[in-house]
Amino acid sequence: MAARSTPVKKAWCSLTWLAVIIVGLIAINAAGVLFAKGTWLPELALDLKGGTQIILAPKLESGQTVSTDQLNQAVSIIRQRIDAAGVSESEINTQGNKNVVVSLPGIPDQATIDRIESSAKLEFRAVIQSDAAAVSTVDETPSPSPSPGASDSPAPSASPEPEPSVSPSNGSDPAWVTPELQKEFDSFDCASLDKKQTNVAPADKPLITCEINGTLNDAIPDYKYILGPVEVSGERIKDATNGLVANSQGVSTNQWGVNIVFDAEGAKEFGEVTTRLFGLTGARHQFAIVLDGKVISAPTVNAVITDGKPRITGSFTQETSKTLADQLKFGALPIGFLVQSKDTITATLGTTQLLSGLLAGAIGLILVIGYSLLQYRTLGLVTVASLVVAFSITYLIVTILGWREGYRLSLAGVAGLIVAIGITADSFIVYFE
């Protein structure tokens, strides 16, 4: 008797968990509706709902032209910004080899619009103060001999100088750290950077910022920095690539690094920076690479580099080294943009196509239910129940993802969900046969 009751208990246990999952999803969505501007309906994409179209025109000096490569780089960077804002199903294209057209579903918030319109800045700044331990180093490429400093050994952080000079003499001078700046640094919360589109400071002023956890390595916590004025602009980078580091004999060390190539002016500026930083200690032995006001890497200076070809090594994998190389090469917009127009656009497909898709799904559902009941009689009710449960869970998840993560349903997505739900019926039919 106990043996026969075991399958029944398992079945009731499974049904109970399904009920708990559905009730839990309903509760999450209800909380979103009440407290987080959620909705009981899925968010729709551009093709079904329409949205906002922003046309960006390049800011050009007299006689200046814009190249196709520059536009393609701008499109790639803007797409990354929009993705980071949690906006899905957006479209970013070029127009007439001159403008960039950004189409966003629905009505984007001001923070998203600001993210699109701003020109990213890639900067090299000297570190004045930090609560971080260095995890990467920079030295010459190629190195004349294996460098003992090019390891992952943490470097101690520096504390504020007790008696700073009145007027800063260079970008590493602790005199930049006024009592007011120190107070701001002590209370600065790295989490606030995620809520900002950029963390901006004039090029000739110090900057308080962070290296956000997960930028290059999830194991590294958030680190705060006080950085000096801009020493080298990201526009001075000609190229940046990742690769395996080789020693002086040309043998691979199985350590990944990032190789940077500056132009002539950048090589001169970077040489002056490394000459100064190489003689310092603690956090002031580092420089920070800043993109959109956030530190993406802060290596220590391992040598005076005057040839404009530094190499960054440290706790890199192939993936993280490529990420940093891409950020250095493409991180900043190659040109500035002005908003030429901002308009509301209608859906490319619209409600008619959506209703047609839903009607097709409903007809298919009716046919499946009818076939199941005719072929399998009472067992067909199991198929019907499975479709109801699959639809309920899928609908609730898509709805929650809409207001929580910015997910939007396109017509292709609707068709995909209908097919996915229908597979549930297929599995039961195969089982019955």
Protein backbone atom coordinates (compact mmCIF):
# COMPACT_ATOMS: atom_id res chain seq x y z
CA MET A 1 0.00 0.00 0.00
CA ALA A 2 2.83 2.36 0.88
CA ALA A 3 4.63 1.56 -2.37
CA ARG A 4 1.58 2.44 -4.45
CA SER A 5 1.00 5.68 -2.59
CA THR A 6 4.54 6.93 -3.24
CA PRO A 7 3.91 8.02 -6.88
CA VAL A 8 0.75 9.78 -5.75
CA LYS A 9 2.65 11.68 -3.08
CA LYS A 10 5.31 12.69 -5.60
CA ALA A 11 2.63 13.91 -7.99
CA TRP A 12 0.94 16.00 -5.31
CA CYS A 13 4.33 17.35 -4.24
CA SER A 14 5.07 18.46 -7.82
CA LEU A 15 1.66 20.08 -8.14
CA THR A 16 2.17 21.88 -4.85
CA TRP A 17 5.50 23.29 -6.00
CA LEU A 18 3.96 24.43 -9.28
CA ALA A 19 1.26 26.23 -7.34
CA VAL A 20 3.86 27.84 -5.07
CA ILE A 21 5.88 29.02 -8.09
CA ILE A 22 2.83 30.55 -9.77
CA VAL A 23 1.65 32.25 -6.58
CA GLY A 24 5.18 33.54 -5.96
CA LEU A 25 5.39 35.01 -9.47
CA ILE A 26 1.99 36.65 -9.02
CA ALA A 27 3.16 38.14 -5.71
CA ILE A 28 6.37 39.50 -7.28
CA ASN A 29 4.44 41.09 -10.12
CA ALA A 30 1.87 42.54 -7.72
CA ALA A 31 4.67 44.08 -5.66
CA GLY A 32 6.12 45.56 -8.83
CA VAL A 33 2.78 47.08 -9.78
CA LEU A 34 2.36 48.60 -6.33
CA PHE A 35 5.89 49.78 -5.60
CA ALA A 36 8.06 49.74 -8.76
CA LYS A 37 5.97 51.08 -11.63
CA GLY A 38 5.30 47.55 -12.82
CA THR A 39 2.44 46.39 -15.00
CA TRP A 40 0.41 43.24 -15.55
CA LEU A 41 1.04 43.43 -19.30
CA PRO A 42 4.32 42.58 -21.07
CA GLU A 43 6.31 45.48 -22.50
CA LEU A 44 6.31 45.62 -26.31
CA ALA A 45 9.18 46.35 -28.67
CA LEU A 46 9.52 48.92 -31.44
CA ASP A 47 7.76 46.83 -34.07
CA LEU A 48 4.62 46.49 -31.94
CA LYS A 49 4.50 49.67 -29.86
CA GLY A 50 6.68 52.31 -31.48
CA GLY A 51 8.91 54.57 -29.45
CA THR A 52 11.37 57.44 -29.65
CA GLN A 53 13.83 58.20 -32.43
CA ILE A 54 16.89 60.37 -31.78
CA ILE A 55 19.07 61.56 -34.66
CA LEU A 56 22.62 62.51 -33.68
CA ALA A 57 24.66 64.73 -35.98
CA PRO A 58 28.47 64.90 -35.61
CA LYS A 59 30.03 68.10 -34.28
CA LEU A 60 32.57 69.01 -36.97
CA GLU A 61 34.97 71.88 -37.26
CA SER A 62 35.25 73.84 -40.50
CA GLY A 63 36.56 71.51 -43.20
CA GLN A 64 36.44 68.44 -40.95
CA THR A 65 34.80 65.24 -42.21
CA VAL A 66 33.58 62.08 -40.52
CA SER A 67 34.69 58.63 -41.70
CA THR A 68 32.68 55.42 -41.89
CA ASP A 69 34.93 53.84 -39.26
CA GLN A 70 34.22 56.68 -36.84
CA LEU A 71 30.47 56.29 -37.32
CA ASN A 72 30.66 52.52 -36.86
CA GLN A 73 32.67 52.99 -33.65
CA ALA A 74 30.11 55.50 -32.40
CA VAL A 75 27.25 53.08 -33.15
CA SER A 76 29.01 50.29 -31.25
CA ILE A 77 29.68 52.48 -28.20
CA ILE A 78 26.14 53.90 -28.12
CA ARG A 79 24.74 50.38 -28.35
CA GLN A 80 26.83 49.34 -25.35
CA ARG A 81 25.52 52.33 -23.39
CA ILE A 82 21.91 51.49 -24.17
CA ASP A 83 22.39 47.84 -23.26
CA ALA A 84 23.96 48.92 -19.97
CA ALA A 85 20.86 51.03 -19.28
CA GLY A 86 18.71 47.89 -19.51
CA VAL A 87 16.86 48.92 -22.69
CA SER A 88 16.22 45.96 -25.00
CA GLU A 89 15.05 45.75 -28.61
CA SER A 90 16.61 49.09 -29.54
CA GLU A 91 17.91 49.91 -33.01
CA ILE A 92 21.06 51.95 -33.72
CA ASN A 93 22.03 52.67 -37.33
CA THR A 94 23.87 55.19 -39.47
CA GLN A 95 22.07 57.52 -41.84
CA GLY A 96 23.61 58.86 -45.02
CA ASN A 97 27.16 58.10 -43.84
CA LYS A 98 26.87 61.12 -41.56
CA ASN A 99 24.30 60.80 -38.78
CA VAL A 100 23.54 58.16 -36.16
CA VAL A 101 19.89 57.18 -35.71
CA VAL A 102 18.87 55.70 -32.34
CA SER A 103 15.39 54.17 -32.03
CA LEU A 104 14.19 53.18 -28.55
CA PRO A 105 10.94 51.38 -27.67
CA GLY A 106 8.42 53.29 -25.59
CA ILE A 107 9.33 56.55 -23.88
CA PRO A 108 12.88 56.36 -22.45
CA ASP A 109 13.72 58.14 -19.22
CA GLN A 110 15.98 61.18 -19.17
CA ALA A 111 18.94 59.19 -17.85
CA THR A 112 18.86 56.92 -20.91
CA ILE A 113 18.62 59.90 -23.26
CA ASP A 114 21.54 61.59 -21.50
CA ARG A 115 23.55 58.39 -21.80
CA ILE A 116 23.02 58.40 -25.56
CA GLU A 117 23.70 62.08 -26.13
CA SER A 118 26.89 62.41 -24.10
CA SER A 119 30.34 61.87 -25.60
CA ALA A 120 32.28 59.30 -23.60
CA LYS A 121 35.70 60.35 -22.35
CA LEU A 122 38.67 58.03 -22.01
CA GLU A 123 41.35 59.54 -19.80
CA PHE A 124 44.60 58.66 -18.06
CA ARG A 125 44.90 60.21 -14.60
CA ALA A 126 47.47 59.76 -11.86
CA VAL A 127 46.29 58.14 -8.62
CA ILE A 128 46.72 60.40 -5.59
CA GLN A 129 44.88 58.36 -2.97
CA SER A 130 43.14 55.00 -2.91
CA ASP A 131 41.70 52.32 -0.69
CA ALA A 132 42.73 49.72 -3.30
CA ALA A 133 45.57 47.28 -3.71
CA ALA A 134 47.02 47.25 -7.23
CA VAL A 135 46.36 44.04 -9.16
CA SER A 136 48.07 44.94 -12.45
CA THR A 137 51.26 46.61 -13.61
CA VAL A 138 52.48 48.45 -16.68
CA ASP A 139 55.93 48.08 -18.21
CA GLU A 140 57.69 48.40 -21.53
CA THR A 141 56.85 46.27 -24.55
CA PRO A 142 58.89 44.25 -25.20
CA SER A 143 60.60 43.99 -21.83
CA PRO A 144 64.41 43.72 -21.97
CA SER A 145 64.27 41.18 -19.15
CA PRO A 146 61.63 39.53 -16.98
CA SER A 147 60.31 42.17 -14.64
CA PRO A 148 59.90 41.15 -11.01
CA GLY A 149 57.26 43.85 -10.56
CA ALA A 150 54.96 42.49 -13.26
CA SER A 151 53.23 40.15 -10.88
CA ASP A 152 49.88 40.13 -9.16
CA SER A 153 51.34 41.05 -5.78
CA PRO A 154 49.22 43.75 -4.18
CA ALA A 155 50.76 47.19 -3.75
CA PRO A 156 50.03 49.03 -0.50
CA SER A 157 47.64 51.93 -0.66
CA ALA A 158 48.78 55.38 0.30
CA SER A 159 47.43 57.59 3.04
CA PRO A 160 46.99 61.36 2.71
CA GLU A 161 50.12 63.44 3.10
CA PRO A 162 50.12 65.24 6.47
CA GLU A 163 51.30 68.58 5.14
CA PRO A 164 50.40 69.07 1.48
CA SER A 165 51.76 72.01 -0.45
CA VAL A 166 49.53 75.00 -1.07
CA SER A 167 49.65 74.81 -4.86
CA PRO A 168 49.86 71.42 -6.66
CA SER A 169 53.00 71.09 -8.76
CA ASN A 170 51.89 68.09 -10.84
CA GLY A 171 49.07 65.57 -11.29
CA SER A 172 50.33 63.37 -8.45
CA ASP A 173 50.73 66.12 -5.87
CA PRO A 174 48.78 65.42 -2.63
CA ALA A 175 48.05 69.15 -2.49
CA TRP A 176 45.09 68.40 -4.73
CA VAL A 177 43.46 66.71 -1.72
CA THR A 178 41.84 69.53 0.21
CA PRO A 179 39.98 68.85 3.49
CA GLU A 180 36.71 69.20 1.61
CA LEU A 181 37.80 66.70 -1.05
CA GLN A 182 39.01 64.28 1.62
CA LYS A 183 35.65 64.48 3.37
CA GLU A 184 33.85 63.84 0.09
CA PHE A 185 36.13 60.87 -0.60
CA ASP A 186 35.49 59.35 2.82
CA SER A 187 31.71 59.51 2.34
CA PHE A 188 31.69 58.61 -1.37
CA ASP A 189 29.63 55.50 -2.19
CA CYS A 190 30.74 53.51 -5.23
CA ALA A 191 27.17 52.25 -5.68
CA SER A 192 26.15 55.79 -6.64
CA LEU A 193 28.15 55.48 -9.87
CA ASP A 194 25.71 52.87 -11.18
CA LYS A 195 22.92 55.43 -10.84
CA LYS A 196 24.78 58.08 -12.81
CA GLN A 197 25.22 58.31 -16.53
CA THR A 198 28.76 59.63 -16.05
CA ASN A 199 30.94 60.83 -13.22
CA VAL A 200 32.27 64.09 -14.59
CA ALA A 201 35.10 66.38 -13.50
CA PRO A 202 36.93 69.03 -15.53
CA ALA A 203 40.15 67.82 -17.14
CA ASP A 204 42.23 70.14 -14.96
CA LYS A 205 40.57 69.12 -11.66
CA PRO A 206 40.83 66.03 -9.43
CA LEU A 207 38.22 63.30 -9.66
CA ILE A 208 36.72 60.98 -7.04
CA THR A 209 35.63 57.72 -8.61
CA CYS A 210 35.69 53.94 -8.30
CA GLU A 211 36.74 50.78 -10.05
CA ILE A 212 33.42 48.97 -10.10
CA ASN A 213 33.32 45.32 -9.10
CA GLY A 214 33.10 43.06 -12.13
CA THR A 215 34.55 45.57 -14.61
CA LEU A 216 37.40 43.17 -15.35
CA ASN A 217 37.37 40.64 -12.53
CA ASP A 218 34.39 39.65 -10.39
CA ALA A 219 36.72 38.73 -7.51
CA ILE A 220 37.91 42.32 -7.13
CA PRO A 221 35.80 44.53 -4.81
CA ASP A 222 34.88 48.13 -5.53
CA TYR A 223 37.83 50.47 -4.97
CA LYS A 224 37.71 54.23 -4.42
CA TYR A 225 40.24 56.67 -5.84
CA ILE A 226 41.17 60.31 -5.75
CA LEU A 227 42.70 61.00 -9.15
CA GLY A 228 44.67 63.97 -10.36
CA PRO A 229 43.92 66.00 -13.50
CA VAL A 230 43.96 64.36 -16.93
CA GLU A 231 47.51 63.54 -18.02
CA VAL A 232 46.83 61.78 -21.34
CA SER A 233 43.64 61.81 -23.41
CA GLY A 234 42.21 58.58 -24.80
CA GLU A 235 42.34 60.15 -28.24
CA ARG A 236 46.11 59.59 -28.14
CA ILE A 237 45.70 55.81 -28.35
CA LYS A 238 46.41 54.47 -31.85
CA ASP A 239 45.84 50.82 -31.05
CA ALA A 240 45.24 48.40 -28.18
CA THR A 241 45.42 44.61 -28.39
CA ASN A 242 45.47 41.68 -26.01
CA GLY A 243 47.84 38.73 -26.17
CA LEU A 244 50.03 36.33 -24.26
CA VAL A 245 53.06 37.94 -22.61
CA ALA A 246 56.48 36.68 -23.73
CA ASN A 247 59.70 36.92 -21.73
CA SER A 248 63.01 38.30 -22.99
CA GLN A 249 63.76 34.99 -24.75
CA GLY A 250 60.46 35.17 -26.63
CA VAL A 251 58.91 32.29 -24.68
CA SER A 252 55.25 32.64 -23.74
CA THR A 253 54.55 32.95 -20.03
CA ASN A 254 50.89 31.93 -20.39
CA GLN A 255 50.03 35.29 -18.85
CA TRP A 256 47.61 37.56 -20.67
CA GLY A 257 48.35 41.24 -21.10
CA VAL A 258 47.18 44.35 -22.96
CA ASN A 259 49.48 46.17 -25.38
CA ILE A 260 48.86 49.87 -26.02
CA VAL A 261 50.28 52.03 -28.81
CA PHE A 262 50.17 55.83 -28.43
CA ASP A 263 50.63 58.40 -31.15
CA ALA A 264 53.67 60.69 -31.03
CA GLU A 265 52.10 63.26 -28.72
CA GLY A 266 50.62 60.56 -26.50
CA ALA A 267 53.98 58.80 -26.26
CA LYS A 268 55.59 62.03 -25.09
CA GLU A 269 52.87 62.71 -22.51
CA PHE A 270 52.84 59.13 -21.24
CA GLY A 271 56.62 59.13 -20.99
CA GLU A 272 56.51 62.20 -18.77
CA VAL A 273 53.86 60.57 -16.56
CA THR A 274 55.75 57.30 -16.13
CA THR A 275 58.98 59.17 -15.41
CA ARG A 276 57.28 60.90 -12.49
CA LEU A 277 55.24 57.94 -11.21
CA PHE A 278 58.14 55.47 -11.34
CA GLY A 279 59.84 57.34 -8.53
CA LEU A 280 56.78 57.39 -6.25
CA THR A 281 55.45 54.81 -3.80
CA GLY A 282 52.12 53.39 -2.67
CA ALA A 283 48.98 54.40 -4.52
CA ARG A 284 50.82 57.33 -6.13
CA HIS A 285 52.85 54.71 -8.01
CA GLN A 286 49.70 54.00 -10.05
CA PHE A 287 47.81 55.68 -12.86
CA ALA A 288 44.12 55.12 -13.59
CA ILE A 289 42.46 54.54 -16.94
CA VAL A 290 39.07 56.25 -16.70
CA LEU A 291 36.15 55.65 -19.06
CA ASP A 292 32.94 57.65 -18.60
CA GLY A 293 34.12 58.69 -15.15
CA LYS A 294 34.78 55.13 -13.92
CA VAL A 295 38.15 53.45 -13.45
CA ILE A 296 38.52 50.41 -15.72
CA SER A 297 42.13 49.68 -14.72
CA ALA A 298 44.68 51.18 -12.32
CA PRO A 299 48.08 49.53 -12.90
CA THR A 300 51.32 50.41 -11.13
CA VAL A 301 54.17 51.85 -13.19
CA ASN A 302 56.93 49.26 -13.52
CA ALA A 303 59.30 51.23 -15.77
CA VAL A 304 59.85 54.57 -17.45
CA ILE A 305 58.20 54.17 -20.85
CA THR A 306 59.18 56.64 -23.54
CA ASP A 307 58.49 54.66 -26.72
CA GLY A 308 54.71 54.98 -26.41
CA LYS A 309 54.18 51.21 -26.24
CA PRO A 310 53.27 50.21 -22.67
CA ARG A 311 52.02 46.79 -21.72
CA ILE A 312 49.59 46.13 -18.86
CA THR A 313 49.86 42.78 -17.09
CA GLY A 314 48.16 41.34 -14.04
CA SER A 315 45.27 39.08 -13.12
CA PHE A 316 43.95 38.88 -16.67
CA THR A 317 42.22 36.08 -18.51
CA GLN A 318 41.88 36.04 -22.27
CA GLU A 319 38.37 37.46 -21.94
CA THR A 320 39.17 40.23 -19.47
CA SER A 321 42.28 41.29 -21.37
CA LYS A 322 40.25 41.56 -24.58
CA THR A 323 37.58 43.56 -22.76
CA LEU A 324 40.15 46.07 -21.54
CA ALA A 325 41.80 46.26 -24.98
CA ASP A 326 38.43 46.94 -26.63
CA GLN A 327 37.61 49.60 -24.05
CA LEU A 328 40.92 51.32 -24.68
CA LYS A 329 40.54 51.12 -28.44
CA PHE A 330 36.85 51.93 -28.81
CA GLY A 331 35.75 53.24 -25.40
CA ALA A 332 35.52 56.92 -26.25
CA LEU A 333 33.37 58.28 -29.03
CA PRO A 334 35.70 59.26 -31.86
CA ILE A 335 33.70 62.45 -32.44
CA GLY A 336 31.19 64.53 -30.54
CA PHE A 337 27.50 64.58 -31.45
CA LEU A 338 24.62 67.04 -31.27
CA VAL A 339 20.97 66.03 -31.08
CA GLN A 340 19.53 67.00 -34.44
CA SER A 341 16.00 65.79 -33.74
CA LYS A 342 13.99 63.78 -31.24
CA ASP A 343 10.66 62.38 -32.44
CA THR A 344 8.01 59.86 -31.50
CA ILE A 345 7.76 57.04 -34.03
CA THR A 346 4.87 54.67 -34.68
CA ALA A 347 5.08 50.89 -34.60
CA THR A 348 6.51 49.30 -37.73
CA LEU A 349 4.03 46.42 -37.49
CA GLY A 350 1.49 47.46 -34.87
CA THR A 351 -1.53 46.05 -33.10
CA THR A 352 -2.98 44.34 -36.19
CA GLN A 353 0.02 42.05 -36.62
CA LEU A 354 0.14 41.35 -32.88
CA LEU A 355 -3.53 40.36 -32.85
CA SER A 356 -2.95 38.20 -35.93
CA GLY A 357 -0.12 36.41 -34.17
CA LEU A 358 -2.19 35.88 -31.04
CA LEU A 359 -5.12 34.66 -33.14
CA ALA A 360 -2.86 32.14 -34.87
CA GLY A 361 -1.66 30.96 -31.48
CA ALA A 362 -5.24 30.64 -30.21
CA ILE A 363 -6.29 28.61 -33.26
CA GLY A 364 -3.31 26.33 -32.78
CA LEU A 365 -4.16 25.93 -29.10
CA ILE A 366 -7.77 24.99 -29.89
CA LEU A 367 -6.63 22.41 -32.45
CA VAL A 368 -4.16 20.87 -29.99
CA ILE A 369 -6.79 20.69 -27.24
CA GLY A 370 -9.36 19.18 -29.61
CA TYR A 371 -6.92 16.57 -30.90
CA SER A 372 -5.80 15.67 -27.37
CA LEU A 373 -9.35 15.17 -26.12
CA LEU A 374 -10.42 13.12 -29.16
CA GLN A 375 -7.32 10.95 -29.20
CA TYR A 376 -6.58 10.50 -25.51
CA ARG A 377 -9.95 11.18 -23.87
CA THR A 378 -9.42 11.90 -20.16
CA LEU A 379 -5.63 11.96 -20.51
CA GLY A 380 -6.10 14.88 -22.89
CA LEU A 381 -7.08 16.98 -19.90
CA VAL A 382 -3.53 16.54 -18.62
CA THR A 383 -2.26 18.13 -21.84
CA VAL A 384 -4.71 21.01 -21.45
CA ALA A 385 -3.66 21.56 -17.84
CA SER A 386 0.02 21.53 -18.82
CA LEU A 387 -0.62 24.22 -21.44
CA VAL A 388 -2.41 26.39 -18.89
CA VAL A 389 0.43 26.05 -16.38
CA ALA A 390 3.13 26.68 -19.02
CA PHE A 391 1.28 29.74 -20.31
CA SER A 392 0.78 31.16 -16.81
CA ILE A 393 4.42 30.77 -15.78
CA THR A 394 5.74 32.11 -19.10
CA TYR A 395 3.40 35.10 -19.09
CA LEU A 396 4.27 36.07 -15.53
CA ILE A 397 8.03 35.73 -16.11
CA VAL A 398 7.90 37.83 -19.30
CA THR A 399 5.83 40.47 -17.50
CA ILE A 400 8.25 40.64 -14.56
CA LEU A 401 11.25 40.85 -16.91
CA GLY A 402 9.50 43.73 -18.68
CA TRP A 403 9.38 46.12 -15.71
CA ARG A 404 12.36 44.67 -13.84
CA GLU A 405 14.97 44.19 -16.59
CA GLY A 406 13.59 46.19 -19.52
CA TYR A 407 12.75 43.13 -21.63
CA ARG A 408 10.38 43.83 -24.51
CA LEU A 409 8.41 41.47 -26.72
CA SER A 410 8.76 41.75 -30.47
CA LEU A 411 6.53 39.90 -32.92
CA ALA A 412 9.28 37.31 -33.33
CA GLY A 413 9.37 36.93 -29.55
CA VAL A 414 5.61 36.36 -29.42
CA ALA A 415 5.92 33.62 -32.05
CA GLY A 416 8.79 32.05 -30.14
CA LEU A 417 6.81 31.97 -26.90
CA ILE A 418 3.84 30.35 -28.63
CA VAL A 419 6.12 27.63 -30.02
CA ALA A 420 7.81 27.15 -26.64
CA ILE A 421 4.48 26.73 -24.86
CA GLY A 422 3.31 24.31 -27.56
CA ILE A 423 6.31 22.06 -26.92
CA THR A 424 4.74 21.25 -23.56
CA ALA A 425 1.88 19.54 -25.35
CA ASP A 426 4.32 17.69 -27.62
CA SER A 427 6.09 16.17 -24.64
CA PHE A 428 2.85 14.73 -23.26
CA ILE A 429 1.78 13.36 -26.64
CA VAL A 430 5.13 11.63 -27.06
CA TYR A 431 4.76 10.21 -23.54
CA PHE A 432 1.23 8.95 -24.24
CA GLU A 433 2.31 7.25 -27.47
